Amino acid sequence: MDRQTLRDALYPGCPIRNILSRFGDKWSLLVLCTLERESAMRFGALLEAIPDISQKMLTVTLRTLEEDGLVSRRIYAQIPPRVEYTLTDRAVSLLPHIHALIGWALEHMESIIDTRRASQQESRSRH
């Protein structure tokens, strides 16, 4: 049993542990926002659009988002096989909340960075 499964089993009613933690990681929000720009995207296009994500991490992120019903994967029977990813209605309903979080982050980013710097300087001066 992996840590995520164990955590979900210990706190089955906690939305942060069971829902928000699944798409609140470093890559999921970026993938969702990137997919929002196009009606459908292929894996390679997503990889190009998010240049600092590895192929493995994109695969894991897409699978997790698909398991949670936020991303849909469509396979076309052709040679070579073509796979496209799209947002589901559930993900589209999540987007306004993501945009609000992005807006908050943009509004407060500078002051948060300043606070971090001050905290680091204070920590260094104590040692």
Protein backbone atom coordinates (compact mmCIF):
# COMPACT_ATOMS: atom_id res chain seq x y z
CA MET A 1 0.00 0.00 0.00
CA ASP A 2 1.50 3.35 -1.02
CA ARG A 3 1.48 6.49 1.11
CA GLN A 4 -1.34 8.14 -0.85
CA THR A 5 -3.62 5.12 -0.44
CA LEU A 6 -2.79 4.88 3.25
CA ARG A 7 -3.45 8.59 3.79
CA ASP A 8 -6.81 8.32 1.96
CA ALA A 9 -7.76 5.28 4.07
CA LEU A 10 -6.91 7.05 7.33
CA TYR A 11 -8.92 10.19 6.52
CA PRO A 12 -11.68 9.14 4.08
CA GLY A 13 -13.83 12.21 4.72
CA CYS A 14 -11.13 14.84 4.36
CA PRO A 15 -11.47 16.70 1.04
CA ILE A 16 -7.95 18.11 1.20
CA ARG A 17 -6.30 14.72 1.59
CA ASN A 18 -8.62 12.92 -0.81
CA ILE A 19 -9.44 15.43 -3.52
CA LEU A 20 -7.46 18.65 -3.41
CA SER A 21 -4.10 16.95 -2.89
CA ARG A 22 -4.59 15.03 -6.14
CA PHE A 23 -4.62 18.11 -8.36
CA GLY A 24 -2.90 20.56 -6.03
CA ASP A 25 0.57 19.30 -6.84
CA LYS A 26 3.22 21.08 -8.87
CA TRP A 27 2.11 19.85 -12.31
CA SER A 28 -1.62 19.14 -12.29
CA LEU A 29 -2.74 22.78 -12.26
CA LEU A 30 -0.30 23.56 -15.08
CA VAL A 31 -1.62 20.67 -17.14
CA LEU A 32 -5.23 21.72 -16.55
CA CYS A 33 -4.50 25.34 -17.48
CA THR A 34 -2.57 24.24 -20.57
CA LEU A 35 -5.40 21.97 -21.72
CA GLU A 36 -7.80 24.87 -21.24
CA ARG A 37 -6.10 26.72 -24.11
CA GLU A 38 -6.91 24.06 -26.72
CA SER A 39 -9.95 21.89 -27.32
CA ALA A 40 -7.69 18.81 -27.47
CA MET A 41 -3.96 18.30 -27.17
CA ARG A 42 -1.62 15.47 -27.98
CA PHE A 43 1.00 14.31 -25.49
CA GLY A 44 3.87 15.89 -27.44
CA ALA A 45 2.08 19.24 -27.62
CA LEU A 46 1.56 19.18 -23.85
CA LEU A 47 5.22 18.33 -23.35
CA GLU A 48 6.23 21.30 -25.50
CA ALA A 49 3.79 23.64 -23.77
CA ILE A 50 5.20 22.75 -20.33
CA PRO A 51 8.93 22.57 -21.11
CA ASP A 52 10.16 21.88 -17.58
CA ILE A 53 8.03 18.74 -17.04
CA SER A 54 9.57 15.36 -17.76
CA GLN A 55 7.87 12.84 -20.00
CA LYS A 56 7.40 10.47 -17.06
CA MET A 57 5.91 13.17 -14.82
CA LEU A 58 3.51 14.27 -17.56
CA THR A 59 2.40 10.66 -17.99
CA VAL A 60 1.82 10.24 -14.24
CA THR A 61 0.00 13.57 -14.00
CA LEU A 62 -2.29 12.81 -16.94
CA ARG A 63 -3.13 9.38 -15.51
CA THR A 64 -3.97 10.87 -12.12
CA LEU A 65 -6.14 13.57 -13.67
CA GLU A 66 -7.85 10.94 -15.81
CA GLU A 67 -8.49 8.71 -12.76
CA ASP A 68 -10.18 11.66 -11.06
CA GLY A 69 -12.34 12.44 -14.08
CA LEU A 70 -10.67 15.77 -14.84
CA VAL A 71 -9.02 14.77 -18.12
CA SER A 72 -10.35 12.58 -20.88
CA ARG A 73 -8.07 10.54 -23.13
CA ARG A 74 -9.18 9.58 -26.62
CA ILE A 75 -7.24 7.03 -28.64
CA TYR A 76 -7.55 7.07 -32.43
CA ALA A 77 -7.03 3.73 -34.17
CA GLN A 78 -4.49 4.72 -36.76
CA ILE A 79 -0.83 4.10 -37.42
CA PRO A 80 0.93 5.47 -35.53
CA PRO A 81 -1.71 5.62 -32.79
CA ARG A 82 -2.85 9.12 -31.93
CA VAL A 83 -3.95 10.04 -28.42
CA GLU A 84 -5.59 13.33 -27.50
CA TYR A 85 -6.35 14.75 -24.09
CA THR A 86 -9.22 17.09 -23.26
CA LEU A 87 -10.74 18.60 -20.16
CA THR A 88 -13.90 17.01 -18.85
CA ASP A 89 -16.94 18.98 -17.71
CA ARG A 90 -15.76 18.41 -14.14
CA ALA A 91 -12.43 20.08 -14.92
CA VAL A 92 -14.17 22.96 -16.70
CA SER A 93 -16.25 23.53 -13.54
CA LEU A 94 -12.99 23.67 -11.56
CA LEU A 95 -11.33 26.27 -13.80
CA PRO A 96 -12.95 29.39 -12.24
CA HIS A 97 -11.56 28.32 -8.87
CA ILE A 98 -8.12 27.75 -10.36
CA HIS A 99 -8.27 31.19 -11.98
CA ALA A 100 -9.22 32.74 -8.65
CA LEU A 101 -6.24 31.04 -7.00
CA ILE A 102 -3.93 32.23 -9.80
CA GLY A 103 -5.28 35.76 -9.38
CA TRP A 104 -4.66 35.63 -5.65
CA ALA A 105 -1.11 34.33 -6.24
CA LEU A 106 -0.38 37.09 -8.73
CA GLU A 107 -1.74 39.73 -6.37
CA HIS A 108 0.31 38.53 -3.41
CA MET A 109 3.40 36.98 -5.01
CA GLU A 110 5.68 39.95 -4.59
CA SER A 111 4.85 40.48 -0.92
CA ILE A 112 5.16 36.75 -0.19
CA ILE A 113 8.60 36.67 -1.82
CA ASP A 114 9.61 39.74 0.22
CA THR A 115 8.42 38.02 3.40
CA ARG A 116 10.39 34.88 2.51
CA ARG A 117 13.54 36.92 1.96
CA ALA A 118 13.12 38.74 5.27
CA SER A 119 12.54 35.44 7.06
CA GLN A 120 15.65 33.91 5.48
CA GLN A 121 17.76 36.93 6.42
CA GLU A 122 16.44 36.81 9.97
CA SER A 123 17.21 33.11 10.16
CA ARG A 124 20.78 33.67 8.90
CA SER A 125 21.41 36.48 11.37
CA ARG A 126 20.38 34.21 14.27
CA HIS A 127 23.03 31.62 13.37
